[in-house]
Amino acid sequence: MSFGPPQTPDIIKNIMIANGVVFIAQLLTRSAGGYGSLVSEWGAVTPLSVWGDYQLWRMFTYMWLHSESSFLHIAFNMFSLWMFGSPVALVWGAQRFLRYYLVCGIGAGFMIASLPYMLGLLGIGTTALELRIPTVGASGAVMGVLLAYSFTWPDRTIMLLFPPIPLKAIYLIPLLFLMEWMQSGPGSNISHTGHLAGALVGWIYLLNEGRTPGAPTLQTLKLKWRRWRMRRNIRAVHREDERERRRWQDDDDQRRFH
């Protein structure tokens, strides 16, 4: 039984190497106390730095940075990129894959910077401190890659690591968002906006591109929703008929004994 993709395309290797080099630069430029780095300060995305100081490059550079305090951050992102990005890149080719990867990452960075800033302007649930919170990581781009994989091979069975259960690829993204929702709350340092935006931008990109037949349109989603509700209503009517039949049968049995 083999583990992982049969081949790792050069574009995947190059993206992983670039992330690794930047991560080493982050470690080498950390402050004496070990908190933050010059590279992170220059490249992380914050709503205030992007729209207050017009440092628009941060919506691109943040996706090559990762948390210096946790090796698992970059390890998980690069593992996911290798595992799911390699098959997609083999089918798509390097240029198409890189273009999609960058669009998802930059699109997620745009939403990370824009949503809190717009809410702050409207006075809705955003503090001045939240506008300065930096975000780093390739998770938005990787979420787009996971989406592309699940749309390209929706019926392919994958084995999750935690928990170790088989799952059809099409259900991977909903499961990840369910797990994120369960982990969300005060004090969470996960950029749920970035993850959701990466998948959403990827979906819009694939629909507009029109080269991924498995990408569901809004029309197909509505049709599936209607079919699901119809099946649910049919089951409900069937259960109601069964209960009614049993009630009449019980009444008949009681009349026989009287």
C-alpha atoms as a PDB file:
ATOM      1  CA  MET A   1       0.000   0.000   0.000  1.00  0.00           C
ATOM      2  CA  SER A   2       1.547   3.305  -1.101  1.00  0.00           C
ATOM      3  CA  PHE A   3       1.416   6.535   0.862  1.00  0.00           C
ATOM      4  CA  GLY A   4       1.240   9.932  -0.749  1.00  0.00           C
ATOM      5  CA  PRO A   5       1.179  10.959  -4.407  1.00  0.00           C
ATOM      6  CA  PRO A   6       3.021   8.790  -6.964  1.00  0.00           C
ATOM      7  CA  GLN A   7       5.091  11.761  -8.110  1.00  0.00           C
ATOM      8  CA  THR A   8       5.954  15.211  -6.777  1.00  0.00           C
ATOM      9  CA  PRO A   9       5.936  17.835  -9.561  1.00  0.00           C
ATOM     10  CA  ASP A  10       8.671  20.460  -9.652  1.00  0.00           C
ATOM     11  CA  ILE A  11       6.171  23.264  -8.987  1.00  0.00           C
ATOM     12  CA  ILE A  12       5.208  21.638  -5.675  1.00  0.00           C
ATOM     13  CA  LYS A  13       8.865  21.165  -4.748  1.00  0.00           C
ATOM     14  CA  ASN A  14       9.640  24.793  -5.581  1.00  0.00           C
ATOM     15  CA  ILE A  15       6.739  26.135  -3.506  1.00  0.00           C
ATOM     16  CA  MET A  16       7.765  23.961  -0.556  1.00  0.00           C
ATOM     17  CA  ILE A  17      11.405  25.053  -0.866  1.00  0.00           C
ATOM     18  CA  ALA A  18      10.378  28.722  -1.016  1.00  0.00           C
ATOM     19  CA  ASN A  19       8.308  28.331   2.141  1.00  0.00           C
ATOM     20  CA  GLY A  20      11.181  26.525   3.848  1.00  0.00           C
ATOM     21  CA  VAL A  21      13.723  29.211   2.930  1.00  0.00           C
ATOM     22  CA  VAL A  22      11.442  31.982   4.180  1.00  0.00           C
ATOM     23  CA  PHE A  23      10.789  30.055   7.400  1.00  0.00           C
ATOM     24  CA  ILE A  24      14.537  29.758   8.038  1.00  0.00           C
ATOM     25  CA  ALA A  25      14.871  33.504   7.412  1.00  0.00           C
ATOM     26  CA  GLN A  26      12.145  34.090   9.983  1.00  0.00           C
ATOM     27  CA  LEU A  27      13.995  31.994  12.557  1.00  0.00           C
ATOM     28  CA  LEU A  28      17.287  33.774  11.863  1.00  0.00           C
ATOM     29  CA  THR A  29      15.750  37.232  12.280  1.00  0.00           C
ATOM     30  CA  ARG A  30      13.831  36.568  15.476  1.00  0.00           C
ATOM     31  CA  SER A  31      14.203  39.053  18.288  1.00  0.00           C
ATOM     32  CA  ALA A  32      16.279  38.241  21.353  1.00  0.00           C
ATOM     33  CA  GLY A  33      13.199  37.133  23.264  1.00  0.00           C
ATOM     34  CA  GLY A  34      12.150  34.802  20.463  1.00  0.00           C
ATOM     35  CA  TYR A  35       8.939  36.679  19.717  1.00  0.00           C
ATOM     36  CA  GLY A  36       8.373  37.764  16.130  1.00  0.00           C
ATOM     37  CA  SER A  37      10.961  38.390  13.442  1.00  0.00           C
ATOM     38  CA  LEU A  38      11.964  41.158  11.074  1.00  0.00           C
ATOM     39  CA  VAL A  39      10.737  39.095   8.135  1.00  0.00           C
ATOM     40  CA  SER A  40       7.343  38.592   9.761  1.00  0.00           C
ATOM     41  CA  GLU A  41       7.041  42.262  10.666  1.00  0.00           C
ATOM     42  CA  TRP A  42       7.713  43.191   7.044  1.00  0.00           C
ATOM     43  CA  GLY A  43       5.550  40.519   5.409  1.00  0.00           C
ATOM     44  CA  ALA A  44       2.620  39.623   7.685  1.00  0.00           C
ATOM     45  CA  VAL A  45      -0.800  40.928   6.693  1.00  0.00           C
ATOM     46  CA  THR A  46      -2.753  43.173   9.054  1.00  0.00           C
ATOM     47  CA  PRO A  47      -5.871  45.175   8.165  1.00  0.00           C
ATOM     48  CA  LEU A  48      -4.311  48.429   9.332  1.00  0.00           C
ATOM     49  CA  SER A  49      -1.007  47.985   7.484  1.00  0.00           C
ATOM     50  CA  VAL A  50      -2.734  47.110   4.208  1.00  0.00           C
ATOM     51  CA  TRP A  51      -5.505  49.703   4.142  1.00  0.00           C
ATOM     52  CA  GLY A  52      -4.154  52.222   6.642  1.00  0.00           C
ATOM     53  CA  ASP A  53      -0.569  52.357   5.357  1.00  0.00           C
ATOM     54  CA  TYR A  54      -1.301  50.980   1.847  1.00  0.00           C
ATOM     55  CA  GLN A  55       1.269  48.201   2.171  1.00  0.00           C
ATOM     56  CA  LEU A  56      -0.521  46.092  -0.406  1.00  0.00           C
ATOM     57  CA  TRP A  57       2.364  43.665  -0.883  1.00  0.00           C
ATOM     58  CA  ARG A  58       1.479  42.044   2.433  1.00  0.00           C
ATOM     59  CA  MET A  59      -1.510  40.316   0.811  1.00  0.00           C
ATOM     60  CA  PHE A  60       1.104  38.351  -1.167  1.00  0.00           C
ATOM     61  CA  THR A  61       4.013  37.996   1.238  1.00  0.00           C
ATOM     62  CA  TYR A  62       1.996  36.705   4.208  1.00  0.00           C
ATOM     63  CA  MET A  63       1.308  33.406   2.417  1.00  0.00           C
ATOM     64  CA  TRP A  64       5.022  32.531   2.416  1.00  0.00           C
ATOM     65  CA  LEU A  65       5.407  33.098   6.158  1.00  0.00           C
ATOM     66  CA  HIS A  66       4.527  30.807   9.054  1.00  0.00           C
ATOM     67  CA  SER A  67       4.484  30.917  12.825  1.00  0.00           C
ATOM     68  CA  GLU A  68       8.009  30.801  14.253  1.00  0.00           C
ATOM     69  CA  SER A  69       6.719  29.426  17.544  1.00  0.00           C
ATOM     70  CA  SER A  70       5.203  26.253  16.080  1.00  0.00           C
ATOM     71  CA  PHE A  71       6.854  24.036  13.487  1.00  0.00           C
ATOM     72  CA  LEU A  72       3.526  22.231  13.057  1.00  0.00           C
ATOM     73  CA  HIS A  73       2.088  25.261  11.256  1.00  0.00           C
ATOM     74  CA  ILE A  74       4.413  25.060   8.270  1.00  0.00           C
ATOM     75  CA  ALA A  75       4.660  21.260   8.496  1.00  0.00           C
ATOM     76  CA  PHE A  76       0.905  20.732   8.194  1.00  0.00           C
ATOM     77  CA  ASN A  77       0.531  23.245   5.358  1.00  0.00           C
ATOM     78  CA  MET A  78       3.414  21.778   3.365  1.00  0.00           C
ATOM     79  CA  PHE A  79       2.235  18.214   3.988  1.00  0.00           C
ATOM     80  CA  SER A  80      -1.239  19.117   2.722  1.00  0.00           C
ATOM     81  CA  LEU A  81       0.250  20.898  -0.290  1.00  0.00           C
ATOM     82  CA  TRP A  82       2.392  17.867  -1.123  1.00  0.00           C
ATOM     83  CA  MET A  83      -0.361  15.309  -0.532  1.00  0.00           C
ATOM     84  CA  PHE A  84      -3.196  17.039  -2.394  1.00  0.00           C
ATOM     85  CA  GLY A  85      -1.398  19.561  -4.576  1.00  0.00           C
ATOM     86  CA  SER A  86       0.838  17.044  -6.340  1.00  0.00           C
ATOM     87  CA  PRO A  87      -1.993  15.146  -8.105  1.00  0.00           C
ATOM     88  CA  VAL A  88      -3.659  18.424  -9.087  1.00  0.00           C
ATOM     89  CA  ALA A  89      -0.419  19.893 -10.452  1.00  0.00           C
ATOM     90  CA  LEU A  90       0.292  16.708 -12.433  1.00  0.00           C
ATOM     91  CA  VAL A  91      -3.077  17.024 -14.182  1.00  0.00           C
ATOM     92  CA  TRP A  92      -3.154  20.812 -14.521  1.00  0.00           C
ATOM     93  CA  GLY A  93       0.447  21.608 -15.305  1.00  0.00           C
ATOM     94  CA  ALA A  94       2.790  23.986 -13.480  1.00  0.00           C
ATOM     95  CA  GLN A  95       1.561  27.329 -14.832  1.00  0.00           C
ATOM     96  CA  ARG A  96      -2.118  26.670 -14.243  1.00  0.00           C
ATOM     97  CA  PHE A  97      -1.476  25.317 -10.759  1.00  0.00           C
ATOM     98  CA  LEU A  98       0.778  28.218  -9.713  1.00  0.00           C
ATOM     99  CA  ARG A  99      -1.707  30.772 -11.020  1.00  0.00           C
ATOM    100  CA  TYR A 100      -4.531  29.129  -9.069  1.00  0.00           C
ATOM    101  CA  TYR A 101      -2.403  28.792  -5.918  1.00  0.00           C
ATOM    102  CA  LEU A 102      -1.460  32.467  -5.966  1.00  0.00           C
ATOM    103  CA  VAL A 103      -5.013  33.629  -6.680  1.00  0.00           C
ATOM    104  CA  CYS A 104      -6.351  31.646  -3.709  1.00  0.00           C
ATOM    105  CA  GLY A 105      -3.601  32.887  -1.404  1.00  0.00           C
ATOM    106  CA  ILE A 106      -3.832  36.538  -2.434  1.00  0.00           C
ATOM    107  CA  GLY A 107      -7.629  36.389  -2.400  1.00  0.00           C
ATOM    108  CA  ALA A 108      -7.557  35.051   1.141  1.00  0.00           C
ATOM    109  CA  GLY A 109      -5.080  37.783   2.117  1.00  0.00           C
ATOM    110  CA  PHE A 110      -7.398  40.401   0.649  1.00  0.00           C
ATOM    111  CA  MET A 111     -10.306  39.139   2.755  1.00  0.00           C
ATOM    112  CA  ILE A 112      -8.157  38.884   5.896  1.00  0.00           C
ATOM    113  CA  ALA A 113      -7.202  42.531   5.485  1.00  0.00           C
ATOM    114  CA  SER A 114     -10.523  43.846   4.211  1.00  0.00           C
ATOM    115  CA  LEU A 115     -13.235  42.237   6.324  1.00  0.00           C
ATOM    116  CA  PRO A 116     -12.071  43.473   9.763  1.00  0.00           C
ATOM    117  CA  TYR A 117     -11.208  46.886   8.305  1.00  0.00           C
ATOM    118  CA  MET A 118     -14.659  47.312   6.759  1.00  0.00           C
ATOM    119  CA  LEU A 119     -16.344  46.131   9.953  1.00  0.00           C
ATOM    120  CA  GLY A 120     -14.196  48.585  11.887  1.00  0.00           C
ATOM    121  CA  LEU A 121     -15.282  51.463   9.665  1.00  0.00           C
ATOM    122  CA  LEU A 122     -18.885  50.439  10.260  1.00  0.00           C
ATOM    123  CA  GLY A 123     -18.296  50.101  13.997  1.00  0.00           C
ATOM    124  CA  ILE A 124     -19.292  46.431  14.013  1.00  0.00           C
ATOM    125  CA  GLY A 125     -17.419  44.157  16.395  1.00  0.00           C
ATOM    126  CA  THR A 126     -13.836  45.146  15.509  1.00  0.00           C
ATOM    127  CA  THR A 127     -11.453  46.800  17.962  1.00  0.00           C
ATOM    128  CA  ALA A 128      -8.368  48.861  17.179  1.00  0.00           C
ATOM    129  CA  LEU A 129      -6.228  46.002  18.490  1.00  0.00           C
ATOM    130  CA  GLU A 130      -7.801  43.505  16.087  1.00  0.00           C
ATOM    131  CA  LEU A 131      -6.859  45.726  13.166  1.00  0.00           C
ATOM    132  CA  ARG A 132      -3.193  45.289  14.147  1.00  0.00           C
ATOM    133  CA  ILE A 133      -3.204  41.495  14.617  1.00  0.00           C
ATOM    134  CA  PRO A 134      -0.820  39.942  12.052  1.00  0.00           C
ATOM    135  CA  THR A 135      -1.754  36.889  10.013  1.00  0.00           C
ATOM    136  CA  VAL A 136       0.737  34.552   8.341  1.00  0.00           C
ATOM    137  CA  GLY A 137       0.524  31.204   6.606  1.00  0.00           C
ATOM    138  CA  ALA A 138      -0.228  29.414   3.359  1.00  0.00           C
ATOM    139  CA  SER A 139      -3.475  27.975   4.713  1.00  0.00           C
ATOM    140  CA  GLY A 140      -5.719  30.067   2.454  1.00  0.00           C
ATOM    141  CA  ALA A 141      -3.884  28.900  -0.667  1.00  0.00           C
ATOM    142  CA  VAL A 142      -3.779  25.321   0.610  1.00  0.00           C
ATOM    143  CA  MET A 143      -7.532  25.362   1.254  1.00  0.00           C
ATOM    144  CA  GLY A 144      -7.977  26.309  -2.382  1.00  0.00           C
ATOM    145  CA  VAL A 145      -5.796  23.344  -3.371  1.00  0.00           C
ATOM    146  CA  LEU A 146      -7.863  20.984  -1.205  1.00  0.00           C
ATOM    147  CA  LEU A 147     -10.990  22.314  -2.884  1.00  0.00           C
ATOM    148  CA  ALA A 148      -9.532  21.727  -6.353  1.00  0.00           C
ATOM    149  CA  TYR A 149      -8.590  18.173  -5.383  1.00  0.00           C
ATOM    150  CA  SER A 150     -12.051  17.392  -4.011  1.00  0.00           C
ATOM    151  CA  PHE A 151     -13.722  18.789  -7.152  1.00  0.00           C
ATOM    152  CA  THR A 152     -11.377  16.952  -9.523  1.00  0.00           C
ATOM    153  CA  TRP A 153     -11.758  13.567  -7.806  1.00  0.00           C
ATOM    154  CA  PRO A 154     -14.952  13.869  -5.740  1.00  0.00           C
ATOM    155  CA  ASP A 155     -15.480  10.115  -5.345  1.00  0.00           C
ATOM    156  CA  ARG A 156     -11.878   9.243  -4.500  1.00  0.00           C
ATOM    157  CA  THR A 157     -11.543   7.802  -1.000  1.00  0.00           C
ATOM    158  CA  ILE A 158      -8.892   9.356   1.221  1.00  0.00           C
ATOM    159  CA  MET A 159      -7.761   8.258   4.655  1.00  0.00           C
ATOM    160  CA  LEU A 160      -7.762  10.946   7.300  1.00  0.00           C
ATOM    161  CA  LEU A 161      -4.950  11.070   9.835  1.00  0.00           C
ATOM    162  CA  PHE A 162      -6.962  12.392  12.773  1.00  0.00           C
ATOM    163  CA  PRO A 163      -9.268  10.557  13.116  1.00  0.00           C
ATOM    164  CA  PRO A 164      -8.038   7.674  10.900  1.00  0.00           C
ATOM    165  CA  ILE A 165     -11.228   7.096   8.924  1.00  0.00           C
ATOM    166  CA  PRO A 166     -11.918   6.793   5.171  1.00  0.00           C
ATOM    167  CA  LEU A 167     -13.730   9.697   3.566  1.00  0.00           C
ATOM    168  CA  LYS A 168     -14.786  10.670   0.063  1.00  0.00           C
ATOM    169  CA  ALA A 169     -12.808  13.666  -1.159  1.00  0.00           C
ATOM    170  CA  ILE A 170     -15.913  15.763  -1.832  1.00  0.00           C
ATOM    171  CA  TYR A 171     -16.664  15.794   1.906  1.00  0.00           C
ATOM    172  CA  LEU A 172     -13.174  16.941   2.916  1.00  0.00           C
ATOM    173  CA  ILE A 173     -13.795  20.701   2.830  1.00  0.00           C
ATOM    174  CA  PRO A 174     -17.121  20.566   4.753  1.00  0.00           C
ATOM    175  CA  LEU A 175     -15.454  18.379   7.386  1.00  0.00           C
ATOM    176  CA  LEU A 176     -12.549  20.791   7.777  1.00  0.00           C
ATOM    177  CA  PHE A 177     -14.882  23.746   8.194  1.00  0.00           C
ATOM    178  CA  LEU A 178     -16.929  21.790  10.735  1.00  0.00           C
ATOM    179  CA  MET A 179     -13.770  21.068  12.726  1.00  0.00           C
ATOM    180  CA  GLU A 180     -12.771  24.742  12.515  1.00  0.00           C
ATOM    181  CA  TRP A 181     -16.196  25.827  13.721  1.00  0.00           C
ATOM    182  CA  MET A 182     -15.879  23.479  16.691  1.00  0.00           C
ATOM    183  CA  GLN A 183     -12.459  24.949  17.526  1.00  0.00           C
ATOM    184  CA  SER A 184     -13.497  28.580  17.045  1.00  0.00           C
ATOM    185  CA  GLY A 185     -14.147  30.934  19.897  1.00  0.00           C
ATOM    186  CA  PRO A 186     -12.470  33.601  22.012  1.00  0.00           C
ATOM    187  CA  GLY A 187      -8.705  33.228  22.068  1.00  0.00           C
ATOM    188  CA  SER A 188      -8.511  31.206  18.847  1.00  0.00           C
ATOM    189  CA  ASN A 189      -5.449  32.085  16.769  1.00  0.00           C
ATOM    190  CA  ILE A 190      -6.755  30.408  13.608  1.00  0.00           C
ATOM    191  CA  SER A 191      -7.662  32.683  10.700  1.00  0.00           C
ATOM    192  CA  HIS A 192     -11.078  31.269   9.876  1.00  0.00           C
ATOM    193  CA  THR A 193     -11.620  34.172   7.482  1.00  0.00           C
ATOM    194  CA  GLY A 194      -8.496  33.215   5.557  1.00  0.00           C
ATOM    195  CA  HIS A 195      -9.419  29.551   5.321  1.00  0.00           C
ATOM    196  CA  LEU A 196     -12.972  30.230   4.199  1.00  0.00           C
ATOM    197  CA  ALA A 197     -11.844  32.919   1.754  1.00  0.00           C
ATOM    198  CA  GLY A 198      -9.219  30.639   0.203  1.00  0.00           C
ATOM    199  CA  ALA A 199     -11.830  27.980  -0.521  1.00  0.00           C
ATOM    200  CA  LEU A 200     -14.401  30.527  -1.715  1.00  0.00           C
ATOM    201  CA  VAL A 201     -11.963  32.279  -4.055  1.00  0.00           C
ATOM    202  CA  GLY A 202     -10.874  28.892  -5.391  1.00  0.00           C
ATOM    203  CA  TRP A 203     -14.461  27.879  -6.062  1.00  0.00           C
ATOM    204  CA  ILE A 204     -15.224  31.133  -7.912  1.00  0.00           C
ATOM    205  CA  TYR A 205     -11.997  30.797  -9.895  1.00  0.00           C
ATOM    206  CA  LEU A 206     -12.784  27.228 -10.970  1.00  0.00           C
ATOM    207  CA  LEU A 207     -16.335  28.146 -11.959  1.00  0.00           C
ATOM    208  CA  ASN A 208     -15.107  31.091 -14.022  1.00  0.00           C
ATOM    209  CA  GLU A 209     -12.341  29.017 -15.592  1.00  0.00           C
ATOM    210  CA  GLY A 210     -14.793  26.276 -16.574  1.00  0.00           C
ATOM    211  CA  ARG A 211     -12.169  23.529 -16.842  1.00  0.00           C
ATOM    212  CA  THR A 212     -13.056  21.493 -13.744  1.00  0.00           C
ATOM    213  CA  PRO A 213     -16.288  19.552 -14.413  1.00  0.00           C
ATOM    214  CA  GLY A 214     -16.631  18.510 -10.770  1.00  0.00           C
ATOM    215  CA  ALA A 215     -16.902  22.093  -9.512  1.00  0.00           C
ATOM    216  CA  PRO A 216     -20.558  22.502  -8.470  1.00  0.00           C
ATOM    217  CA  THR A 217     -22.407  25.610  -9.586  1.00  0.00           C
ATOM    218  CA  LEU A 218     -25.000  27.392  -7.492  1.00  0.00           C
ATOM    219  CA  GLN A 219     -27.652  25.831  -9.702  1.00  0.00           C
ATOM    220  CA  THR A 220     -26.425  22.294  -9.041  1.00  0.00           C
ATOM    221  CA  LEU A 221     -26.189  22.997  -5.311  1.00  0.00           C
ATOM    222  CA  LYS A 222     -29.792  24.239  -5.308  1.00  0.00           C
ATOM    223  CA  LEU A 223     -30.861  21.119  -7.201  1.00  0.00           C
ATOM    224  CA  LYS A 224     -29.084  18.840  -4.721  1.00  0.00           C
ATOM    225  CA  TRP A 225     -30.643  20.740  -1.822  1.00  0.00           C
ATOM    226  CA  ARG A 226     -34.119  20.325  -3.306  1.00  0.00           C
ATOM    227  CA  ARG A 227     -33.545  16.619  -3.900  1.00  0.00           C
ATOM    228  CA  TRP A 228     -32.310  16.180  -0.331  1.00  0.00           C
ATOM    229  CA  ARG A 229     -35.361  17.965   1.059  1.00  0.00           C
ATOM    230  CA  MET A 230     -37.655  15.928  -1.198  1.00  0.00           C
ATOM    231  CA  ARG A 231     -36.123  12.657   0.011  1.00  0.00           C
ATOM    232  CA  ARG A 232     -36.387  13.887   3.581  1.00  0.00           C
ATOM    233  CA  ASN A 233     -40.074  14.751   3.136  1.00  0.00           C
ATOM    234  CA  ILE A 234     -40.750  11.376   1.521  1.00  0.00           C
ATOM    235  CA  ARG A 235     -39.118   9.596   4.461  1.00  0.00           C
ATOM    236  CA  ALA A 236     -41.124  11.729   6.899  1.00  0.00           C
ATOM    237  CA  VAL A 237     -44.399  10.893   5.107  1.00  0.00           C
ATOM    238  CA  HIS A 238     -43.445   7.220   5.035  1.00  0.00           C
ATOM    239  CA  ARG A 239     -42.759   7.210   8.776  1.00  0.00           C
ATOM    240  CA  GLU A 240     -46.056   8.984   9.430  1.00  0.00           C
ATOM    241  CA  ASP A 241     -47.934   6.442   7.287  1.00  0.00           C
ATOM    242  CA  GLU A 242     -46.208   3.612   9.133  1.00  0.00           C
ATOM    243  CA  ARG A 243     -47.170   5.055  12.515  1.00  0.00           C
ATOM    244  CA  GLU A 244     -50.772   5.501  11.315  1.00  0.00           C
ATOM    245  CA  ARG A 245     -50.894   1.922  10.027  1.00  0.00           C
ATOM    246  CA  ARG A 246     -49.594   0.587  13.336  1.00  0.00           C
ATOM    247  CA  ARG A 247     -52.114   2.679  15.273  1.00  0.00           C
ATOM    248  CA  TRP A 248     -55.006   1.250  13.257  1.00  0.00           C
ATOM    249  CA  GLN A 249     -53.603  -2.236  13.685  1.00  0.00           C
ATOM    250  CA  ASP A 250     -53.396  -1.762  17.457  1.00  0.00           C
ATOM    251  CA  ASP A 251     -56.993  -0.522  17.489  1.00  0.00           C
ATOM    252  CA  ASP A 252     -58.102  -3.606  15.567  1.00  0.00           C
ATOM    253  CA  ASP A 253     -56.242  -5.880  17.961  1.00  0.00           C
ATOM    254  CA  GLN A 254     -57.863  -4.188  20.953  1.00  0.00           C
ATOM    255  CA  ARG A 255     -61.329  -4.564  19.422  1.00  0.00           C
ATOM    256  CA  ARG A 256     -60.749  -8.293  18.916  1.00  0.00           C
ATOM    257  CA  PHE A 257     -60.085  -8.819  22.618  1.00  0.00           C
ATOM    258  CA  HIS A 258     -63.172  -6.921  23.849  1.00  0.00           C
END
